[in-house]
C-alpha atoms as a PDB file:
ATOM      1  CA  MET A   1     -15.229 -48.013 -79.831  1.00  0.00           C
ATOM      2  CA  LEU A   2     -12.310 -49.657 -81.770  1.00  0.00           C
ATOM      3  CA  ALA A   3      -8.770 -48.288 -81.394  1.00  0.00           C
ATOM      4  CA  VAL A   4      -6.219 -49.113 -83.969  1.00  0.00           C
ATOM      5  CA  GLN A   5      -3.128 -49.345 -81.739  1.00  0.00           C
ATOM      6  CA  ASN A   6       0.485 -50.114 -81.786  1.00  0.00           C
ATOM      7  CA  PHE A   7       3.273 -48.066 -80.215  1.00  0.00           C
ATOM      8  CA  LYS A   8       5.810 -48.791 -82.945  1.00  0.00           C
ATOM      9  CA  GLY A   9       5.824 -46.274 -85.855  1.00  0.00           C
ATOM     10  CA  GLY A  10       5.462 -47.490 -89.537  1.00  0.00           C
ATOM     11  CA  VAL A  11       3.136 -50.280 -88.965  1.00  0.00           C
ATOM     12  CA  GLY A  12       0.172 -48.786 -90.874  1.00  0.00           C
ATOM     13  CA  LYS A  13      -1.934 -47.635 -88.086  1.00  0.00           C
ATOM     14  CA  SER A  14      -3.185 -44.334 -89.705  1.00  0.00           C
ATOM     15  CA  THR A  15      -3.541 -46.058 -93.133  1.00  0.00           C
ATOM     16  CA  ILE A  16      -5.595 -48.870 -91.785  1.00  0.00           C
ATOM     17  CA  THR A  17      -7.728 -46.525 -89.721  1.00  0.00           C
ATOM     18  CA  LYS A  18      -8.600 -44.446 -92.918  1.00  0.00           C
ATOM     19  CA  HIS A  19      -9.153 -47.423 -95.040  1.00  0.00           C
ATOM     20  CA  LEU A  20     -11.268 -49.280 -92.405  1.00  0.00           C
ATOM     21  CA  ALA A  21     -13.451 -46.015 -91.891  1.00  0.00           C
ATOM     22  CA  ASP A  22     -14.166 -45.886 -95.777  1.00  0.00           C
ATOM     23  CA  TYR A  23     -14.808 -49.469 -95.917  1.00  0.00           C
ATOM     24  CA  LEU A  24     -17.498 -49.264 -92.991  1.00  0.00           C
ATOM     25  CA  ALA A  25     -18.972 -46.193 -94.655  1.00  0.00           C
ATOM     26  CA  LEU A  26     -19.418 -48.064 -97.912  1.00  0.00           C
ATOM     27  CA  HIS A  27     -21.280 -50.811 -95.999  1.00  0.00           C
ATOM     28  CA  GLY A  28     -23.878 -48.424 -94.366  1.00  0.00           C
ATOM     29  CA  TYR A  29     -22.295 -47.464 -91.100  1.00  0.00           C
ATOM     30  CA  ARG A  30     -22.120 -43.924 -89.631  1.00  0.00           C
ATOM     31  CA  VAL A  31     -18.493 -43.579 -88.599  1.00  0.00           C
ATOM     32  CA  LEU A  32     -16.745 -41.234 -86.264  1.00  0.00           C
ATOM     33  CA  VAL A  33     -12.940 -41.209 -86.527  1.00  0.00           C
ATOM     34  CA  ILE A  34     -11.078 -39.560 -83.585  1.00  0.00           C
ATOM     35  CA  ASP A  35      -7.412 -38.721 -84.318  1.00  0.00           C
ATOM     36  CA  CYS A  36      -5.557 -38.756 -81.083  1.00  0.00           C
ATOM     37  CA  ASP A  37      -2.128 -38.636 -82.660  1.00  0.00           C
ATOM     38  CA  PRO A  38      -0.473 -35.232 -82.670  1.00  0.00           C
ATOM     39  CA  GLN A  39       1.276 -36.110 -85.924  1.00  0.00           C
ATOM     40  CA  ALA A  40      -2.341 -35.788 -87.446  1.00  0.00           C
ATOM     41  CA  SER A  41      -1.720 -38.285 -90.481  1.00  0.00           C
ATOM     42  CA  THR A  42      -5.300 -39.573 -90.194  1.00  0.00           C
ATOM     43  CA  THR A  43      -6.617 -35.879 -90.007  1.00  0.00           C
ATOM     44  CA  THR A  44      -4.728 -35.007 -93.238  1.00  0.00           C
ATOM     45  CA  MET A  45      -5.922 -38.114 -95.092  1.00  0.00           C
ATOM     46  CA  PHE A  46      -9.535 -36.803 -94.500  1.00  0.00           C
ATOM     47  CA  ASP A  47      -8.597 -33.463 -96.149  1.00  0.00           C
ATOM     48  CA  ILE A  48      -8.234 -31.456 -92.981  1.00  0.00           C
ATOM     49  CA  GLN A  49      -4.972 -29.364 -92.595  1.00  0.00           C
ATOM     50  CA  PRO A  50      -3.986 -29.397 -88.853  1.00  0.00           C
ATOM     51  CA  GLU A  51      -2.487 -26.057 -89.081  1.00  0.00           C
ATOM     52  CA  THR A  52      -6.034 -24.503 -89.949  1.00  0.00           C
ATOM     53  CA  LEU A  53      -7.016 -25.404 -86.323  1.00  0.00           C
ATOM     54  CA  ILE A  54      -4.293 -23.359 -84.560  1.00  0.00           C
ATOM     55  CA  ASP A  55      -6.661 -20.598 -83.612  1.00  0.00           C
ATOM     56  CA  ASP A  56      -9.682 -22.764 -83.182  1.00  0.00           C
ATOM     57  CA  GLU A  57     -10.604 -23.257 -79.470  1.00  0.00           C
ATOM     58  CA  GLN A  58     -13.085 -26.019 -80.316  1.00  0.00           C
ATOM     59  CA  THR A  59     -10.439 -28.789 -80.639  1.00  0.00           C
ATOM     60  CA  LEU A  60      -9.783 -32.208 -78.995  1.00  0.00           C
ATOM     61  CA  GLY A  61      -6.708 -30.735 -77.405  1.00  0.00           C
ATOM     62  CA  ALA A  62      -8.733 -27.923 -75.641  1.00  0.00           C
ATOM     63  CA  PHE A  63     -11.479 -30.547 -74.611  1.00  0.00           C
ATOM     64  CA  LEU A  64      -8.950 -32.900 -72.977  1.00  0.00           C
ATOM     65  CA  SER A  65      -6.821 -30.228 -71.289  1.00  0.00           C
ATOM     66  CA  PRO A  66      -7.642 -29.685 -67.667  1.00  0.00           C
ATOM     67  CA  ARG A  67      -6.705 -26.016 -68.067  1.00  0.00           C
ATOM     68  CA  SER A  68      -9.264 -25.455 -70.769  1.00  0.00           C
ATOM     69  CA  THR A  69     -12.906 -24.311 -70.045  1.00  0.00           C
ATOM     70  CA  PHE A  70     -14.111 -25.767 -73.339  1.00  0.00           C
ATOM     71  CA  SER A  71     -16.279 -28.802 -72.453  1.00  0.00           C
ATOM     72  CA  GLU A  72     -18.504 -29.552 -75.595  1.00  0.00           C
ATOM     73  CA  PHE A  73     -17.088 -32.729 -77.109  1.00  0.00           C
ATOM     74  CA  SER A  74     -19.672 -32.486 -80.009  1.00  0.00           C
ATOM     75  CA  GLN A  75     -18.182 -29.251 -81.127  1.00  0.00           C
ATOM     76  CA  THR A  76     -14.901 -30.919 -81.979  1.00  0.00           C
ATOM     77  CA  ILE A  77     -16.459 -33.086 -84.628  1.00  0.00           C
ATOM     78  CA  ARG A  78     -15.939 -31.997 -88.262  1.00  0.00           C
ATOM     79  CA  ASP A  79     -17.427 -33.070 -91.534  1.00  0.00           C
ATOM     80  CA  THR A  80     -15.334 -34.994 -94.079  1.00  0.00           C
ATOM     81  CA  PRO A  81     -15.766 -35.449 -97.822  1.00  0.00           C
ATOM     82  CA  TRP A  82     -17.782 -38.705 -96.838  1.00  0.00           C
ATOM     83  CA  PRO A  83     -21.283 -37.978 -95.843  1.00  0.00           C
ATOM     84  CA  THR A  84     -21.417 -40.789 -93.239  1.00  0.00           C
ATOM     85  CA  ILE A  85     -17.992 -40.204 -91.789  1.00  0.00           C
ATOM     86  CA  LYS A  86     -17.196 -37.519 -89.234  1.00  0.00           C
ATOM     87  CA  ILE A  87     -13.836 -36.742 -87.715  1.00  0.00           C
ATOM     88  CA  VAL A  88     -12.456 -35.295 -84.492  1.00  0.00           C
ATOM     89  CA  PRO A  89      -9.164 -33.989 -86.062  1.00  0.00           C
ATOM     90  CA  SER A  90      -5.882 -33.866 -84.373  1.00  0.00           C
ATOM     91  CA  SER A  91      -4.090 -30.502 -84.148  1.00  0.00           C
ATOM     92  CA  LEU A  92      -0.844 -29.012 -82.732  1.00  0.00           C
ATOM     93  CA  GLY A  93      -2.591 -28.308 -79.449  1.00  0.00           C
ATOM     94  CA  LEU A  94      -3.044 -31.922 -78.684  1.00  0.00           C
ATOM     95  CA  GLN A  95       0.617 -32.407 -77.506  1.00  0.00           C
ATOM     96  CA  ASP A  96      -0.127 -29.359 -75.077  1.00  0.00           C
ATOM     97  CA  ALA A  97      -2.965 -31.348 -73.739  1.00  0.00           C
ATOM     98  CA  GLU A  98      -0.691 -34.283 -73.107  1.00  0.00           C
ATOM     99  CA  TRP A  99       1.462 -32.203 -70.939  1.00  0.00           C
ATOM    100  CA  ASP A 100      -1.527 -30.586 -69.105  1.00  0.00           C
ATOM    101  CA  LEU A 101      -2.989 -34.101 -68.459  1.00  0.00           C
ATOM    102  CA  THR A 102       0.451 -35.329 -67.181  1.00  0.00           C
ATOM    103  CA  ALA A 103       0.530 -32.478 -64.669  1.00  0.00           C
ATOM    104  CA  THR A 104      -2.569 -33.853 -62.797  1.00  0.00           C
ATOM    105  CA  LEU A 105      -0.144 -36.482 -61.458  1.00  0.00           C
ATOM    106  CA  ARG A 106       0.876 -33.892 -58.970  1.00  0.00           C
ATOM    107  CA  GLU A 107      -2.719 -33.575 -57.697  1.00  0.00           C
ATOM    108  CA  GLY A 108      -3.431 -37.334 -57.599  1.00  0.00           C
ATOM    109  CA  GLY A 109      -6.696 -38.976 -56.683  1.00  0.00           C
ATOM    110  CA  GLN A 110      -9.775 -37.434 -58.448  1.00  0.00           C
ATOM    111  CA  ALA A 111      -7.800 -35.154 -60.782  1.00  0.00           C
ATOM    112  CA  VAL A 112      -5.926 -38.286 -62.235  1.00  0.00           C
ATOM    113  CA  ARG A 113      -9.226 -40.196 -62.597  1.00  0.00           C
ATOM    114  CA  GLU A 114     -10.801 -37.312 -64.484  1.00  0.00           C
ATOM    115  CA  GLY A 115      -7.863 -36.971 -66.606  1.00  0.00           C
ATOM    116  CA  LEU A 116      -7.882 -40.616 -67.571  1.00  0.00           C
ATOM    117  CA  GLN A 117     -11.611 -40.709 -68.350  1.00  0.00           C
ATOM    118  CA  ALA A 118     -11.837 -37.472 -70.262  1.00  0.00           C
ATOM    119  CA  LEU A 119     -11.995 -38.965 -73.657  1.00  0.00           C
ATOM    120  CA  ARG A 120     -14.438 -41.773 -72.547  1.00  0.00           C
ATOM    121  CA  ILE A 121     -16.799 -39.120 -71.124  1.00  0.00           C
ATOM    122  CA  GLY A 122     -16.692 -36.925 -74.211  1.00  0.00           C
ATOM    123  CA  ILE A 123     -17.282 -40.012 -76.481  1.00  0.00           C
ATOM    124  CA  ALA A 124     -20.292 -41.072 -74.301  1.00  0.00           C
ATOM    125  CA  SER A 125     -22.059 -37.781 -75.161  1.00  0.00           C
ATOM    126  CA  VAL A 126     -22.155 -38.615 -78.911  1.00  0.00           C
ATOM    127  CA  THR A 127     -22.410 -42.404 -79.324  1.00  0.00           C
ATOM    128  CA  LYS A 128     -26.023 -42.174 -80.151  1.00  0.00           C
ATOM    129  CA  ASP A 129     -25.162 -40.320 -83.372  1.00  0.00           C
ATOM    130  CA  PHE A 130     -22.742 -43.056 -84.814  1.00  0.00           C
ATOM    131  CA  ASP A 131     -22.600 -46.869 -85.394  1.00  0.00           C
ATOM    132  CA  VAL A 132     -18.868 -47.111 -85.261  1.00  0.00           C
ATOM    133  CA  ILE A 133     -16.211 -45.082 -83.495  1.00  0.00           C
ATOM    134  CA  LEU A 134     -12.544 -45.488 -84.554  1.00  0.00           C
ATOM    135  CA  LEU A 135      -9.768 -44.250 -82.407  1.00  0.00           C
ATOM    136  CA  ASP A 136      -6.303 -43.448 -83.804  1.00  0.00           C
ATOM    137  CA  PRO A 137      -3.984 -43.265 -80.793  1.00  0.00           C
ATOM    138  CA  PRO A 138      -0.460 -41.736 -80.495  1.00  0.00           C
ATOM    139  CA  PRO A 139       2.478 -44.157 -80.875  1.00  0.00           C
ATOM    140  CA  ALA A 140       3.289 -43.763 -77.193  1.00  0.00           C
ATOM    141  CA  MET A 141       1.608 -44.635 -73.883  1.00  0.00           C
ATOM    142  CA  GLY A 142       1.347 -41.280 -72.179  1.00  0.00           C
ATOM    143  CA  PHE A 143      -1.791 -39.785 -70.871  1.00  0.00           C
ATOM    144  CA  LEU A 144      -3.304 -39.648 -74.520  1.00  0.00           C
ATOM    145  CA  GLY A 145      -2.739 -43.323 -75.015  1.00  0.00           C
ATOM    146  CA  LEU A 146      -4.168 -44.217 -71.619  1.00  0.00           C
ATOM    147  CA  ASN A 147      -7.254 -42.077 -72.572  1.00  0.00           C
ATOM    148  CA  VAL A 148      -7.616 -44.148 -75.727  1.00  0.00           C
ATOM    149  CA  MET A 149      -7.321 -47.381 -73.803  1.00  0.00           C
ATOM    150  CA  ALA A 150      -9.818 -46.279 -71.330  1.00  0.00           C
ATOM    151  CA  ALA A 151     -12.235 -45.117 -74.062  1.00  0.00           C
ATOM    152  CA  ALA A 152     -11.827 -48.130 -76.467  1.00  0.00           C
ATOM    153  CA  THR A 153     -13.931 -51.170 -76.171  1.00  0.00           C
ATOM    154  CA  GLY A 154     -11.947 -53.154 -78.746  1.00  0.00           C
ATOM    155  CA  LEU A 155      -8.381 -53.107 -80.104  1.00  0.00           C
ATOM    156  CA  LEU A 156      -7.054 -53.828 -83.468  1.00  0.00           C
ATOM    157  CA  ILE A 157      -3.326 -54.082 -83.488  1.00  0.00           C
ATOM    158  CA  PRO A 158      -1.329 -53.853 -86.948  1.00  0.00           C
ATOM    159  CA  VAL A 159       1.927 -55.937 -86.962  1.00  0.00           C
ATOM    160  CA  PRO A 160       4.084 -56.167 -90.232  1.00  0.00           C
ATOM    161  CA  ALA A 161       5.695 -59.772 -90.754  1.00  0.00           C
ATOM    162  CA  ARG A 162       9.038 -58.482 -89.775  1.00  0.00           C
ATOM    163  CA  GLN A 163      11.106 -59.607 -86.709  1.00  0.00           C
ATOM    164  CA  LEU A 164      11.609 -56.152 -85.188  1.00  0.00           C
ATOM    165  CA  ASP A 165       7.916 -55.273 -85.434  1.00  0.00           C
ATOM    166  CA  TYR A 166       7.064 -58.690 -84.022  1.00  0.00           C
ATOM    167  CA  LEU A 167       9.334 -58.243 -81.137  1.00  0.00           C
ATOM    168  CA  SER A 168       8.145 -54.816 -80.415  1.00  0.00           C
ATOM    169  CA  THR A 169       4.604 -55.898 -80.460  1.00  0.00           C
ATOM    170  CA  ILE A 170       5.287 -58.597 -77.741  1.00  0.00           C
ATOM    171  CA  HIS A 171       6.565 -55.756 -75.652  1.00  0.00           C
ATOM    172  CA  PHE A 172       3.400 -53.699 -76.637  1.00  0.00           C
ATOM    173  CA  MET A 173       1.136 -56.553 -75.456  1.00  0.00           C
ATOM    174  CA  ASP A 174       2.993 -56.561 -71.989  1.00  0.00           C
ATOM    175  CA  THR A 175       2.601 -52.831 -71.840  1.00  0.00           C
ATOM    176  CA  ILE A 176      -1.160 -53.038 -72.417  1.00  0.00           C
ATOM    177  CA  ALA A 177      -1.579 -55.470 -69.493  1.00  0.00           C
ATOM    178  CA  ASP A 178       0.398 -53.004 -67.327  1.00  0.00           C
ATOM    179  CA  ASN A 179      -1.538 -50.180 -68.275  1.00  0.00           C
ATOM    180  CA  ILE A 180      -4.869 -51.910 -67.815  1.00  0.00           C
ATOM    181  CA  GLU A 181      -3.740 -52.256 -64.174  1.00  0.00           C
ATOM    182  CA  ILE A 182      -2.815 -48.623 -63.993  1.00  0.00           C
ATOM    183  CA  LEU A 183      -6.307 -47.718 -65.249  1.00  0.00           C
ATOM    184  CA  GLU A 184      -8.020 -50.079 -62.901  1.00  0.00           C
ATOM    185  CA  GLU A 185      -5.886 -48.715 -59.857  1.00  0.00           C
ATOM    186  CA  ASN A 186      -7.089 -45.335 -60.777  1.00  0.00           C
ATOM    187  CA  GLY A 187     -10.798 -46.192 -60.913  1.00  0.00           C
ATOM    188  CA  THR A 188     -11.031 -46.572 -64.691  1.00  0.00           C
ATOM    189  CA  PRO A 189     -11.615 -50.271 -65.432  1.00  0.00           C
ATOM    190  CA  VAL A 190     -11.659 -51.363 -69.114  1.00  0.00           C
ATOM    191  CA  ASP A 191     -13.456 -54.254 -70.800  1.00  0.00           C
ATOM    192  CA  TYR A 192     -12.455 -55.017 -74.397  1.00  0.00           C
ATOM    193  CA  GLY A 193     -15.033 -57.106 -76.348  1.00  0.00           C
ATOM    194  CA  PHE A 194     -12.031 -58.289 -78.467  1.00  0.00           C
ATOM    195  CA  ILE A 195      -8.490 -57.816 -79.168  1.00  0.00           C
ATOM    196  CA  ARG A 196      -7.299 -58.757 -82.670  1.00  0.00           C
ATOM    197  CA  VAL A 197      -3.936 -58.652 -84.415  1.00  0.00           C
ATOM    198  CA  VAL A 198      -3.810 -57.995 -88.114  1.00  0.00           C
ATOM    199  CA  CYS A 199      -0.703 -58.695 -90.305  1.00  0.00           C
ATOM    200  CA  SER A 200       0.086 -55.364 -92.173  1.00  0.00           C
ATOM    201  CA  ALA A 201       2.147 -54.738 -95.415  1.00  0.00           C
ATOM    202  CA  PHE A 202       2.700 -58.396 -96.005  1.00  0.00           C
ATOM    203  CA  SER A 203       4.998 -59.314 -98.829  1.00  0.00           C
ATOM    204  CA  PRO A 204       5.085 -63.031 -99.253  1.00  0.00           C
ATOM    205  CA  SER A 205       7.705 -62.965-101.878  1.00  0.00           C
ATOM    206  CA  LYS A 206      10.224 -61.420 -99.436  1.00  0.00           C
ATOM    207  CA  PRO A 207      12.671 -63.608 -97.704  1.00  0.00           C
ATOM    208  CA  GLY A 208      11.458 -64.446 -94.090  1.00  0.00           C
ATOM    209  CA  GLU A 209       8.006 -62.911 -94.200  1.00  0.00           C
ATOM    210  CA  ASN A 210       6.177 -66.247 -94.833  1.00  0.00           C
ATOM    211  CA  ASP A 211       8.186 -67.667 -91.912  1.00  0.00           C
ATOM    212  CA  MET A 212       7.266 -64.756 -89.643  1.00  0.00           C
ATOM    213  CA  TRP A 213       3.638 -65.067 -90.882  1.00  0.00           C
ATOM    214  CA  ARG A 214       3.669 -68.708 -89.619  1.00  0.00           C
ATOM    215  CA  ILE A 215       5.334 -67.581 -86.331  1.00  0.00           C
ATOM    216  CA  MET A 216       2.576 -64.989 -85.871  1.00  0.00           C
ATOM    217  CA  GLN A 217      -0.069 -67.625 -86.494  1.00  0.00           C
ATOM    218  CA  ALA A 218       1.442 -69.864 -83.800  1.00  0.00           C
ATOM    219  CA  THR A 219       1.938 -66.977 -81.356  1.00  0.00           C
ATOM    220  CA  TYR A 220      -1.282 -65.102 -81.622  1.00  0.00           C
ATOM    221  CA  ALA A 221      -3.491 -68.129 -82.294  1.00  0.00           C
ATOM    222  CA  GLY A 222      -7.170 -67.012 -82.106  1.00  0.00           C
ATOM    223  CA  LEU A 223      -6.106 -63.316 -81.870  1.00  0.00           C
ATOM    224  CA  LEU A 224      -4.811 -63.203 -85.455  1.00  0.00           C
ATOM    225  CA  LEU A 225      -7.065 -62.213 -88.307  1.00  0.00           C
ATOM    226  CA  GLY A 226      -6.981 -65.075 -91.059  1.00  0.00           C
ATOM    227  CA  GLN A 227      -6.153 -62.674 -93.847  1.00  0.00           C
ATOM    228  CA  PRO A 228      -3.061 -60.391 -93.887  1.00  0.00           C
ATOM    229  CA  ILE A 229      -3.071 -56.994 -95.455  1.00  0.00           C
ATOM    230  CA  LEU A 230      -0.862 -57.435 -98.567  1.00  0.00           C
ATOM    231  CA  ALA A 231       1.750 -54.788 -99.427  1.00  0.00           C
ATOM    232  CA  SER A 232       0.670 -53.044-102.469  1.00  0.00           C
ATOM    233  CA  GLU A 233       1.852 -50.041-104.658  1.00  0.00           C
ATOM    234  CA  GLU A 234      -1.779 -49.321-104.915  1.00  0.00           C
ATOM    235  CA  ILE A 235      -2.004 -48.515-101.117  1.00  0.00           C
ATOM    236  CA  LYS A 236       1.282 -46.688-101.119  1.00  0.00           C
ATOM    237  CA  ASN A 237       0.263 -44.507-104.022  1.00  0.00           C
ATOM    238  CA  ALA A 238      -3.100 -43.748-102.612  1.00  0.00           C
ATOM    239  CA  THR A 239      -1.720 -42.898 -99.270  1.00  0.00           C
ATOM    240  CA  GLN A 240       0.827 -40.561-100.818  1.00  0.00           C
ATOM    241  CA  ALA A 241      -2.139 -38.806-102.437  1.00  0.00           C
ATOM    242  CA  PHE A 242      -3.932 -38.665 -98.909  1.00  0.00           C
ATOM    243  CA  ARG A 243      -6.566 -41.020-100.140  1.00  0.00           C
ATOM    244  CA  SER A 244      -7.762 -44.588 -99.530  1.00  0.00           C
ATOM    245  CA  ILE A 245      -8.095 -47.344-102.194  1.00  0.00           C
ATOM    246  CA  TYR A 246     -11.835 -46.764-101.868  1.00  0.00           C
ATOM    247  CA  GLU A 247     -11.419 -43.290-103.197  1.00  0.00           C
ATOM    248  CA  SER A 248      -8.760 -43.879-105.668  1.00  0.00           C
ATOM    249  CA  LYS A 249      -8.639 -44.991-109.393  1.00  0.00           C
ATOM    250  CA  PRO A 250      -6.054 -47.744-110.313  1.00  0.00           C
ATOM    251  CA  SER A 251      -2.510 -46.442-110.655  1.00  0.00           C
ATOM    252  CA  ALA A 252      -1.377 -49.669-112.272  1.00  0.00           C
ATOM    253  CA  SER A 253      -3.519 -52.347-113.970  1.00  0.00           C
ATOM    254  CA  HIS A 254      -7.138 -52.887-113.188  1.00  0.00           C
ATOM    255  CA  GLN A 255      -6.426 -56.302-111.910  1.00  0.00           C
ATOM    256  CA  THR A 256      -3.780 -55.108-109.564  1.00  0.00           C
ATOM    257  CA  TYR A 257      -6.299 -52.616-108.212  1.00  0.00           C
ATOM    258  CA  THR A 258      -8.943 -55.032-107.798  1.00  0.00           C
ATOM    259  CA  ARG A 259      -6.734 -57.639-106.177  1.00  0.00           C
ATOM    260  CA  CYS A 260      -5.760 -54.938-103.556  1.00  0.00           C
ATOM    261  CA  ARG A 261      -9.271 -53.883-102.910  1.00  0.00           C
ATOM    262  CA  ASP A 262     -10.517 -57.543-102.578  1.00  0.00           C
ATOM    263  CA  ASN A 263      -7.822 -58.183-100.086  1.00  0.00           C
ATOM    264  CA  LEU A 264      -8.753 -55.181 -97.972  1.00  0.00           C
ATOM    265  CA  ASP A 265     -12.446 -56.159 -98.183  1.00  0.00           C
ATOM    266  CA  ALA A 266     -11.624 -59.558 -96.854  1.00  0.00           C
ATOM    267  CA  VAL A 267      -9.621 -58.246 -93.909  1.00  0.00           C
ATOM    268  CA  PHE A 268     -12.002 -55.678 -92.974  1.00  0.00           C
ATOM    269  CA  ALA A 269     -14.945 -58.071 -93.370  1.00  0.00           C
ATOM    270  CA  GLU A 270     -13.376 -60.082 -90.408  1.00  0.00           C
ATOM    271  CA  VAL A 271     -13.185 -56.842 -88.386  1.00  0.00           C
ATOM    272  CA  GLU A 272     -16.755 -56.040 -89.196  1.00  0.00           C
ATOM    273  CA  GLN A 273     -17.868 -59.518 -88.048  1.00  0.00           C
ATOM    274  CA  GLN A 274     -16.148 -58.889 -84.660  1.00  0.00           C
ATOM    275  CA  ILE A 275     -17.974 -55.554 -84.341  1.00  0.00           C
ATOM    276  CA  ARG A 276     -21.264 -57.046 -85.136  1.00  0.00           C
ATOM    277  CA  GLN A 277     -20.770 -59.943 -82.705  1.00  0.00           C
ATOM    278  CA  GLN A 278     -19.672 -57.572 -79.748  1.00  0.00           C
ATOM    279  CA  TRP A 279     -21.940 -54.647 -80.289  1.00  0.00           C
ATOM    280  CA  PRO A 280     -25.356 -55.372 -81.597  1.00  0.00           C
ATOM    281  CA  SER A 281     -27.547 -52.440 -82.247  1.00  0.00           C
ATOM    282  CA  THR A 282     -31.002 -51.530 -83.309  1.00  0.00           C
ATOM    283  CA  SER A 283     -29.853 -48.306 -85.177  1.00  0.00           C
ATOM    284  CA  LEU A 284     -29.651 -50.136 -88.422  1.00  0.00           C
ATOM    285  CA  THR A 285     -31.861 -52.915 -89.955  1.00  0.00           C
ATOM    286  CA  ALA A 286     -30.956 -56.363 -89.197  1.00  0.00           C
ATOM    287  CA  ASP A 287     -30.450 -57.435 -92.682  1.00  0.00           C
ATOM    288  CA  SER A 288     -28.088 -54.631 -93.707  1.00  0.00           C
ATOM    289  CA  SER A 289     -25.467 -54.031 -90.876  1.00  0.00           C
ATOM    290  CA  VAL A 290     -25.328 -53.727 -87.227  1.00  0.00           C
ATOM    291  CA  GLY A 291     -23.967 -50.681 -85.554  1.00  0.00           C
ATOM    292  CA  VAL A 292     -21.744 -50.048 -82.557  1.00  0.00           C
ATOM    293  CA  ALA A 293     -22.093 -47.144 -80.361  1.00  0.00           C
ATOM    294  CA  ALA A 294     -20.631 -47.981 -76.991  1.00  0.00           C
END
């Protein structure tokens, strides 16, 4: 289970989740995307409108809420236009689930532990059906964020090559360490197979970004992916149309589109390699690709 996580908004978290899901599907993986962000950007990019789920009781928010009697995680999974990608969409009720989970702090002990492990337990019931599970967490570390941290077995952290984003991510890394302690103190230990940082929306022609890229290489050393995601009008235009590059036709020249897609392929190939090294599976043939279920 790979969480694309950073607390700061505007770093490209949902865009990366969508593009990575599409890339993996094109490479033969069965993918489940779980949108845990009440803003529901990833849900919308998969052609599901969150407002259509207002009266639906079979949602992630209902599953996570301690007040709800709905307990079938598999029923929260929806189809997408991609035959090998499924999604657990976000909905407006997810924020209510956050408040309900937070209320378990008053009860302490077992109630808190169950609240922190709710998503992990739900995912465990469907892992056999998927090769890769991608988690899109909220941009804050409340109970929803802790649920994602508890469920994930790998982290991909997007960081633009800008000073403010760089400094915010240093704080984010410290917060991750603090919250791992919180989870462990509440009987919910985590074990990440890998943590990787990806430089997102990189514009080498902008003043300062090349310098910041070099600082990131020095700071994150072996954690930083070798390829940054280049800023591109192709990605911007595709996202505005609620699509990924892998679903879109060139909006500019074919050469520009190809350069953008080749860059994304190179970045996601590094992520795929990490997945294959950490979670070998017999669900796919050895010479095609290797899945990840847990």
